[in-house]
Amino acid sequence: IAAADFSNEAETKIEDIFHISEGWMGLDVGPQ
């Protein structure tokens, strides 16, 4: 679960761990 910033209200998206978008950070593991 990637987010644009370190916050509960941050926008999130699910990303492959090997291909996280620039400027985004993984803050939790995803459904897979």
PDB file of all heavy atoms in Angstrom:
ATOM      1  N   ILE A   1       0.895  -1.153   0.000  1.00  0.00           N
ATOM      2  CA  ILE A   1       0.000   0.000   0.000  1.00  0.00           C
ATOM      3  C   ILE A   1       0.936   1.206   0.000  1.00  0.00           C
ATOM      4  O   ILE A   1       1.635   1.450   0.997  1.00  0.00           O
ATOM      5  CB  ILE A   1      -0.916   0.043   1.257  1.00  0.00           C
ATOM      6  CG1 ILE A   1      -1.660  -1.292   1.449  1.00  0.00           C
ATOM      7  CG2 ILE A   1      -1.876   1.218   1.177  1.00  0.00           C
ATOM      8  CD1 ILE A   1      -2.648  -1.657   0.368  1.00  0.00           C
ATOM      9  N   ALA A   2       0.978   1.899  -1.116  1.00  0.00           N
ATOM     10  CA  ALA A   2       1.892   3.044  -1.247  1.00  0.00           C
ATOM     11  C   ALA A   2       1.140   4.340  -1.007  1.00  0.00           C
ATOM     12  O   ALA A   2      -0.064   4.444  -1.272  1.00  0.00           O
ATOM     13  CB  ALA A   2       2.517   3.048  -2.636  1.00  0.00           C
ATOM     14  N   ALA A   3       1.854   5.334  -0.478  1.00  0.00           N
ATOM     15  CA  ALA A   3       1.253   6.646  -0.197  1.00  0.00           C
ATOM     16  C   ALA A   3       2.215   7.740  -0.655  1.00  0.00           C
ATOM     17  O   ALA A   3       3.424   7.532  -0.735  1.00  0.00           O
ATOM     18  CB  ALA A   3       0.978   6.778   1.296  1.00  0.00           C
ATOM     19  N   ALA A   4       1.628   8.892  -0.943  1.00  0.00           N
ATOM     20  CA  ALA A   4       2.454  10.022  -1.390  1.00  0.00           C
ATOM     21  C   ALA A   4       3.114  10.709  -0.203  1.00  0.00           C
ATOM     22  O   ALA A   4       4.160  11.339  -0.336  1.00  0.00           O
ATOM     23  CB  ALA A   4       1.605  11.014  -2.171  1.00  0.00           C
ATOM     24  N   ASP A   5       2.490  10.597   0.994  1.00  0.00           N
ATOM     25  CA  ASP A   5       3.140  11.135   2.191  1.00  0.00           C
ATOM     26  C   ASP A   5       2.748  10.322   3.416  1.00  0.00           C
ATOM     27  O   ASP A   5       1.818   9.524   3.377  1.00  0.00           O
ATOM     28  CB  ASP A   5       2.835  12.637   2.392  1.00  0.00           C
ATOM     29  CG  ASP A   5       1.356  12.921   2.497  1.00  0.00           C
ATOM     30  OD1 ASP A   5       0.638  12.722   1.484  1.00  0.00           O
ATOM     31  OD2 ASP A   5       0.913  13.330   3.560  1.00  0.00           O
ATOM     32  N   PHE A   6       3.510  10.540   4.493  1.00  0.00           N
ATOM     33  CA  PHE A   6       3.388   9.742   5.716  1.00  0.00           C
ATOM     34  C   PHE A   6       2.240  10.292   6.559  1.00  0.00           C
ATOM     35  O   PHE A   6       2.449  11.057   7.497  1.00  0.00           O
ATOM     36  CB  PHE A   6       4.712   9.822   6.486  1.00  0.00           C
ATOM     37  CG  PHE A   6       4.851   8.782   7.561  1.00  0.00           C
ATOM     38  CD1 PHE A   6       5.400   7.534   7.275  1.00  0.00           C
ATOM     39  CD2 PHE A   6       4.447   9.035   8.863  1.00  0.00           C
ATOM     40  CE1 PHE A   6       5.547   6.568   8.268  1.00  0.00           C
ATOM     41  CE2 PHE A   6       4.583   8.079   9.862  1.00  0.00           C
ATOM     42  CZ  PHE A   6       5.135   6.837   9.556  1.00  0.00           C
ATOM     43  N   SER A   7       1.011   9.890   6.224  1.00  0.00           N
ATOM     44  CA  SER A   7      -0.146  10.437   6.934  1.00  0.00           C
ATOM     45  C   SER A   7      -1.326   9.495   6.785  1.00  0.00           C
ATOM     46  O   SER A   7      -1.476   8.808   5.768  1.00  0.00           O
ATOM     47  CB  SER A   7      -0.491  11.820   6.363  1.00  0.00           C
ATOM     48  OG  SER A   7      -1.857  12.098   6.484  1.00  0.00           O
ATOM     49  N   ASN A   8      -2.196   9.475   7.795  1.00  0.00           N
ATOM     50  CA  ASN A   8      -3.403   8.651   7.755  1.00  0.00           C
ATOM     51  C   ASN A   8      -4.336   9.070   6.634  1.00  0.00           C
ATOM     52  O   ASN A   8      -5.100   8.274   6.108  1.00  0.00           O
ATOM     53  CB  ASN A   8      -4.137   8.782   9.100  1.00  0.00           C
ATOM     54  CG  ASN A   8      -4.332   7.427   9.760  1.00  0.00           C
ATOM     55  OD1 ASN A   8      -4.267   6.386   9.117  1.00  0.00           O
ATOM     56  ND2 ASN A   8      -4.575   7.437  11.051  1.00  0.00           N
ATOM     57  N   GLU A   9      -4.261  10.366   6.284  1.00  0.00           N
ATOM     58  CA  GLU A   9      -5.178  10.913   5.266  1.00  0.00           C
ATOM     59  C   GLU A   9      -4.568  10.879   3.867  1.00  0.00           C
ATOM     60  O   GLU A   9      -5.167  11.348   2.912  1.00  0.00           O
ATOM     61  CB  GLU A   9      -5.554  12.366   5.592  1.00  0.00           C
ATOM     62  CG  GLU A   9      -6.523  12.541   6.759  1.00  0.00           C
ATOM     63  CD  GLU A   9      -5.888  12.218   8.111  1.00  0.00           C
ATOM     64  OE1 GLU A   9      -4.763  12.698   8.368  1.00  0.00           O
ATOM     65  OE2 GLU A   9      -6.503  11.456   8.883  1.00  0.00           O
ATOM     66  N   ALA A  10      -3.362  10.331   3.738  1.00  0.00           N
ATOM     67  CA  ALA A  10      -2.665  10.345   2.441  1.00  0.00           C
ATOM     68  C   ALA A  10      -3.432   9.559   1.383  1.00  0.00           C
ATOM     69  O   ALA A  10      -4.146   8.599   1.682  1.00  0.00           O
ATOM     70  CB  ALA A  10      -1.266   9.745   2.604  1.00  0.00           C
ATOM     71  N   GLU A  11      -3.255   9.982   0.133  1.00  0.00           N
ATOM     72  CA  GLU A  11      -3.795   9.223  -0.992  1.00  0.00           C
ATOM     73  C   GLU A  11      -2.996   7.917  -1.070  1.00  0.00           C
ATOM     74  O   GLU A  11      -1.782   7.925  -0.881  1.00  0.00           O
ATOM     75  CB  GLU A  11      -3.599  10.038  -2.277  1.00  0.00           C
ATOM     76  CG  GLU A  11      -4.229   9.414  -3.495  1.00  0.00           C
ATOM     77  CD  GLU A  11      -3.811  10.117  -4.786  1.00  0.00           C
ATOM     78  OE1 GLU A  11      -3.292  11.255  -4.738  1.00  0.00           O
ATOM     79  OE2 GLU A  11      -3.992   9.497  -5.849  1.00  0.00           O
ATOM     80  N   THR A  12      -3.674   6.788  -1.329  1.00  0.00           N
ATOM     81  CA  THR A  12      -2.959   5.504  -1.381  1.00  0.00           C
ATOM     82  C   THR A  12      -3.261   4.752  -2.674  1.00  0.00           C
ATOM     83  O   THR A  12      -4.281   4.994  -3.320  1.00  0.00           O
ATOM     84  CB  THR A  12      -3.344   4.585  -0.193  1.00  0.00           C
ATOM     85  OG1 THR A  12      -4.741   4.276  -0.297  1.00  0.00           O
ATOM     86  CG2 THR A  12      -3.051   5.228   1.143  1.00  0.00           C
ATOM     87  N   LYS A  13      -2.375   3.856  -3.034  1.00  0.00           N
ATOM     88  CA  LYS A  13      -2.630   2.944  -4.154  1.00  0.00           C
ATOM     89  C   LYS A  13      -1.824   1.663  -3.928  1.00  0.00           C
ATOM     90  O   LYS A  13      -0.820   1.665  -3.201  1.00  0.00           O
ATOM     91  CB  LYS A  13      -2.273   3.596  -5.488  1.00  0.00           C
ATOM     92  CG  LYS A  13      -0.832   4.077  -5.636  1.00  0.00           C
ATOM     93  CD  LYS A  13      -0.647   4.752  -6.990  1.00  0.00           C
ATOM     94  CE  LYS A  13       0.746   5.358  -7.128  1.00  0.00           C
ATOM     95  NZ  LYS A  13       0.951   6.005  -8.424  1.00  0.00           N
ATOM     96  N   ILE A  14      -2.287   0.585  -4.537  1.00  0.00           N
ATOM     97  CA  ILE A  14      -1.579  -0.696  -4.426  1.00  0.00           C
ATOM     98  C   ILE A  14      -0.560  -0.771  -5.560  1.00  0.00           C
ATOM     99  O   ILE A  14      -0.890  -0.518  -6.722  1.00  0.00           O
ATOM    100  CB  ILE A  14      -2.573  -1.878  -4.537  1.00  0.00           C
ATOM    101  CG1 ILE A  14      -3.589  -1.827  -3.386  1.00  0.00           C
ATOM    102  CG2 ILE A  14      -1.822  -3.216  -4.517  1.00  0.00           C
ATOM    103  CD1 ILE A  14      -4.788  -2.740  -3.578  1.00  0.00           C
ATOM    104  N   GLU A  15       0.684  -1.086  -5.195  1.00  0.00           N
ATOM    105  CA  GLU A  15       1.718  -1.177  -6.218  1.00  0.00           C
ATOM    106  C   GLU A  15       2.573  -2.433  -6.021  1.00  0.00           C
ATOM    107  O   GLU A  15       2.752  -2.906  -4.887  1.00  0.00           O
ATOM    108  CB  GLU A  15       2.628   0.057  -6.182  1.00  0.00           C
ATOM    109  CG  GLU A  15       1.900   1.344  -6.568  1.00  0.00           C
ATOM    110  CD  GLU A  15       2.854   2.402  -7.116  1.00  0.00           C
ATOM    111  OE1 GLU A  15       3.809   2.768  -6.405  1.00  0.00           O
ATOM    112  OE2 GLU A  15       2.632   2.855  -8.253  1.00  0.00           O
ATOM    113  N   ASP A  16       3.100  -2.943  -7.128  1.00  0.00           N
ATOM    114  CA  ASP A  16       4.076  -4.032  -7.076  1.00  0.00           C
ATOM    115  C   ASP A  16       5.303  -3.525  -6.321  1.00  0.00           C
ATOM    116  O   ASP A  16       5.775  -2.415  -6.578  1.00  0.00           O
ATOM    117  CB  ASP A  16       4.461  -4.407  -8.521  1.00  0.00           C
ATOM    118  CG  ASP A  16       5.459  -5.553  -8.566  1.00  0.00           C
ATOM    119  OD1 ASP A  16       6.574  -5.391  -8.016  1.00  0.00           O
ATOM    120  OD2 ASP A  16       5.148  -6.594  -9.158  1.00  0.00           O
ATOM    121  N   ILE A  17       5.832  -4.318  -5.379  1.00  0.00           N
ATOM    122  CA  ILE A  17       6.932  -3.819  -4.532  1.00  0.00           C
ATOM    123  C   ILE A  17       8.213  -3.539  -5.332  1.00  0.00           C
ATOM    124  O   ILE A  17       9.029  -2.717  -4.922  1.00  0.00           O
ATOM    125  CB  ILE A  17       7.216  -4.786  -3.350  1.00  0.00           C
ATOM    126  CG1 ILE A  17       8.046  -4.054  -2.265  1.00  0.00           C
ATOM    127  CG2 ILE A  17       7.894  -6.068  -3.825  1.00  0.00           C
ATOM    128  CD1 ILE A  17       8.113  -4.749  -0.930  1.00  0.00           C
ATOM    129  N   PHE A  18       8.365  -4.170  -6.478  1.00  0.00           N
ATOM    130  CA  PHE A  18       9.552  -3.924  -7.307  1.00  0.00           C
ATOM    131  C   PHE A  18       9.393  -2.699  -8.212  1.00  0.00           C
ATOM    132  O   PHE A  18      10.336  -2.274  -8.852  1.00  0.00           O
ATOM    133  CB  PHE A  18       9.874  -5.159  -8.166  1.00  0.00           C
ATOM    134  CG  PHE A  18      10.739  -6.171  -7.476  1.00  0.00           C
ATOM    135  CD1 PHE A  18      10.173  -7.167  -6.686  1.00  0.00           C
ATOM    136  CD2 PHE A  18      12.125  -6.134  -7.583  1.00  0.00           C
ATOM    137  CE1 PHE A  18      10.967  -8.103  -6.032  1.00  0.00           C
ATOM    138  CE2 PHE A  18      12.929  -7.070  -6.924  1.00  0.00           C
ATOM    139  CZ  PHE A  18      12.352  -8.050  -6.161  1.00  0.00           C
ATOM    140  N   HIS A  19       8.156  -2.160  -8.269  1.00  0.00           N
ATOM    141  CA  HIS A  19       7.893  -1.025  -9.170  1.00  0.00           C
ATOM    142  C   HIS A  19       7.036   0.033  -8.468  1.00  0.00           C
ATOM    143  O   HIS A  19       5.905   0.281  -8.854  1.00  0.00           O
ATOM    144  CB  HIS A  19       7.180  -1.513 -10.451  1.00  0.00           C
ATOM    145  CG  HIS A  19       7.950  -2.553 -11.185  1.00  0.00           C
ATOM    146  ND1 HIS A  19       7.685  -3.903 -11.056  1.00  0.00           N
ATOM    147  CD2 HIS A  19       9.009  -2.457 -12.032  1.00  0.00           C
ATOM    148  CE1 HIS A  19       8.537  -4.592 -11.805  1.00  0.00           C
ATOM    149  NE2 HIS A  19       9.358  -3.739 -12.401  1.00  0.00           N
ATOM    150  N   ILE A  20       7.593   0.642  -7.425  1.00  0.00           N
ATOM    151  CA  ILE A  20       6.872   1.705  -6.708  1.00  0.00           C
ATOM    152  C   ILE A  20       7.147   3.037  -7.412  1.00  0.00           C
ATOM    153  O   ILE A  20       8.288   3.344  -7.765  1.00  0.00           O
ATOM    154  CB  ILE A  20       7.298   1.753  -5.219  1.00  0.00           C
ATOM    155  CG1 ILE A  20       6.960   0.414  -4.533  1.00  0.00           C
ATOM    156  CG2 ILE A  20       6.600   2.907  -4.487  1.00  0.00           C
ATOM    157  CD1 ILE A  20       7.462   0.276  -3.100  1.00  0.00           C
ATOM    158  N   SER A  21       6.098   3.815  -7.622  1.00  0.00           N
ATOM    159  CA  SER A  21       6.217   5.082  -8.365  1.00  0.00           C
ATOM    160  C   SER A  21       7.161   6.054  -7.668  1.00  0.00           C
ATOM    161  O   SER A  21       7.240   6.081  -6.428  1.00  0.00           O
ATOM    162  CB  SER A  21       4.845   5.742  -8.508  1.00  0.00           C
ATOM    163  OG  SER A  21       3.931   4.853  -9.097  1.00  0.00           O
ATOM    164  N   GLU A  22       7.829   6.852  -8.473  1.00  0.00           N
ATOM    165  CA  GLU A  22       8.692   7.909  -7.922  1.00  0.00           C
ATOM    166  C   GLU A  22       7.854   8.826  -7.037  1.00  0.00           C
ATOM    167  O   GLU A  22       6.738   9.206  -7.408  1.00  0.00           O
ATOM    168  CB  GLU A  22       9.333   8.734  -9.054  1.00  0.00           C
ATOM    169  CG  GLU A  22      10.487   8.038  -9.762  1.00  0.00           C
ATOM    170  CD  GLU A  22      11.569   7.547  -8.807  1.00  0.00           C
ATOM    171  OE1 GLU A  22      11.995   8.339  -7.938  1.00  0.00           O
ATOM    172  OE2 GLU A  22      11.974   6.363  -8.908  1.00  0.00           O
ATOM    173  N   GLY A  23       8.404   9.190  -5.877  1.00  0.00           N
ATOM    174  CA  GLY A  23       7.697  10.102  -4.970  1.00  0.00           C
ATOM    175  C   GLY A  23       6.702   9.405  -4.047  1.00  0.00           C
ATOM    176  O   GLY A  23       6.118  10.034  -3.175  1.00  0.00           O
ATOM    177  N   TRP A  24       6.500   8.103  -4.240  1.00  0.00           N
ATOM    178  CA  TRP A  24       5.582   7.338  -3.391  1.00  0.00           C
ATOM    179  C   TRP A  24       6.393   6.404  -2.490  1.00  0.00           C
ATOM    180  O   TRP A  24       7.513   6.036  -2.807  1.00  0.00           O
ATOM    181  CB  TRP A  24       4.610   6.511  -4.239  1.00  0.00           C
ATOM    182  CG  TRP A  24       3.594   7.377  -4.926  1.00  0.00           C
ATOM    183  CD1 TRP A  24       3.845   8.291  -5.912  1.00  0.00           C
ATOM    184  CD2 TRP A  24       2.192   7.439  -4.662  1.00  0.00           C
ATOM    185  NE1 TRP A  24       2.682   8.914  -6.285  1.00  0.00           N
ATOM    186  CE2 TRP A  24       1.639   8.409  -5.540  1.00  0.00           C
ATOM    187  CE3 TRP A  24       1.333   6.769  -3.793  1.00  0.00           C
ATOM    188  CZ2 TRP A  24       0.276   8.723  -5.559  1.00  0.00           C
ATOM    189  CZ3 TRP A  24      -0.026   7.070  -3.815  1.00  0.00           C
ATOM    190  CH2 TRP A  24      -0.540   8.044  -4.690  1.00  0.00           C
ATOM    191  N   MET A  25       5.784   6.035  -1.359  1.00  0.00           N
ATOM    192  CA  MET A  25       6.478   5.136  -0.427  1.00  0.00           C
ATOM    193  C   MET A  25       5.556   4.028   0.040  1.00  0.00           C
ATOM    194  O   MET A  25       4.356   4.248   0.239  1.00  0.00           O
ATOM    195  CB  MET A  25       7.025   5.929   0.768  1.00  0.00           C
ATOM    196  CG  MET A  25       5.975   6.563   1.634  1.00  0.00           C
ATOM    197  SD  MET A  25       6.687   7.592   2.943  1.00  0.00           S
ATOM    198  CE  MET A  25       6.334   9.222   2.321  1.00  0.00           C
ATOM    199  N   GLY A  26       6.120   2.832   0.215  1.00  0.00           N
ATOM    200  CA  GLY A  26       5.343   1.712   0.740  1.00  0.00           C
ATOM    201  C   GLY A  26       5.238   1.810   2.254  1.00  0.00           C
ATOM    202  O   GLY A  26       6.251   1.909   2.942  1.00  0.00           O
ATOM    203  N   LEU A  27       3.986   1.791   2.761  1.00  0.00           N
ATOM    204  CA  LEU A  27       3.786   1.923   4.214  1.00  0.00           C
ATOM    205  C   LEU A  27       3.054   0.723   4.829  1.00  0.00           C
ATOM    206  O   LEU A  27       2.874   0.640   6.026  1.00  0.00           O
ATOM    207  CB  LEU A  27       3.023   3.217   4.533  1.00  0.00           C
ATOM    208  CG  LEU A  27       3.767   4.530   4.220  1.00  0.00           C
ATOM    209  CD1 LEU A  27       2.890   5.727   4.530  1.00  0.00           C
ATOM    210  CD2 LEU A  27       5.087   4.642   4.969  1.00  0.00           C
ATOM    211  N   ASP A  28       2.638  -0.216   3.966  1.00  0.00           N
ATOM    212  CA  ASP A  28       2.022  -1.447   4.455  1.00  0.00           C
ATOM    213  C   ASP A  28       2.141  -2.482   3.341  1.00  0.00           C
ATOM    214  O   ASP A  28       2.374  -2.130   2.183  1.00  0.00           O
ATOM    215  CB  ASP A  28       0.538  -1.213   4.784  1.00  0.00           C
ATOM    216  CG  ASP A  28      -0.081  -2.338   5.605  1.00  0.00           C
ATOM    217  OD1 ASP A  28       0.676  -3.224   6.071  1.00  0.00           O
ATOM    218  OD2 ASP A  28      -1.318  -2.342   5.783  1.00  0.00           O
ATOM    219  N   VAL A  29       1.988  -3.755   3.699  1.00  0.00           N
ATOM    220  CA  VAL A  29       1.983  -4.791   2.659  1.00  0.00           C
ATOM    221  C   VAL A  29       0.610  -4.792   1.990  1.00  0.00           C
ATOM    222  O   VAL A  29      -0.390  -4.399   2.586  1.00  0.00           O
ATOM    223  CB  VAL A  29       2.325  -6.183   3.234  1.00  0.00           C
ATOM    224  CG1 VAL A  29       3.773  -6.229   3.685  1.00  0.00           C
ATOM    225  CG2 VAL A  29       1.393  -6.559   4.389  1.00  0.00           C
ATOM    226  N   GLY A  30       0.580  -5.248   0.741  1.00  0.00           N
ATOM    227  CA  GLY A  30      -0.659  -5.256  -0.030  1.00  0.00           C
ATOM    228  C   GLY A  30      -1.411  -6.571   0.045  1.00  0.00           C
ATOM    229  O   GLY A  30      -0.968  -7.528   0.692  1.00  0.00           O
ATOM    230  N   PRO A  31      -2.567  -6.658  -0.663  1.00  0.00           N
ATOM    231  CA  PRO A  31      -3.445  -7.837  -0.574  1.00  0.00           C
ATOM    232  C   PRO A  31      -2.802  -9.150  -1.036  1.00  0.00           C
ATOM    233  O   PRO A  31      -3.029 -10.203  -0.434  1.00  0.00           O
ATOM    234  CB  PRO A  31      -4.644  -7.458  -1.454  1.00  0.00           C
ATOM    235  CG  PRO A  31      -4.224  -6.269  -2.249  1.00  0.00           C
ATOM    236  CD  PRO A  31      -3.171  -5.583  -1.472  1.00  0.00           C
ATOM    237  N   GLN A  32      -1.989  -9.106  -2.106  1.00  0.00           N
ATOM    238  CA  GLN A  32      -1.326 -10.336  -2.571  1.00  0.00           C
ATOM    239  C   GLN A  32      -0.364 -10.875  -1.503  1.00  0.00           C
ATOM    240  O   GLN A  32      -0.265 -12.081  -1.280  1.00  0.00           O
ATOM    241  CB  GLN A  32      -0.531 -10.059  -3.855  1.00  0.00           C
ATOM    242  CG  GLN A  32      -1.352 -10.018  -5.122  1.00  0.00           C
ATOM    243  CD  GLN A  32      -0.421  -9.801  -6.310  1.00  0.00           C
ATOM    244  OE1 GLN A  32       0.081  -8.700  -6.524  1.00  0.00           O
ATOM    245  NE2 GLN A  32      -0.173 -10.854  -7.063  1.00  0.00           N
TER     246      GLN A  32
END
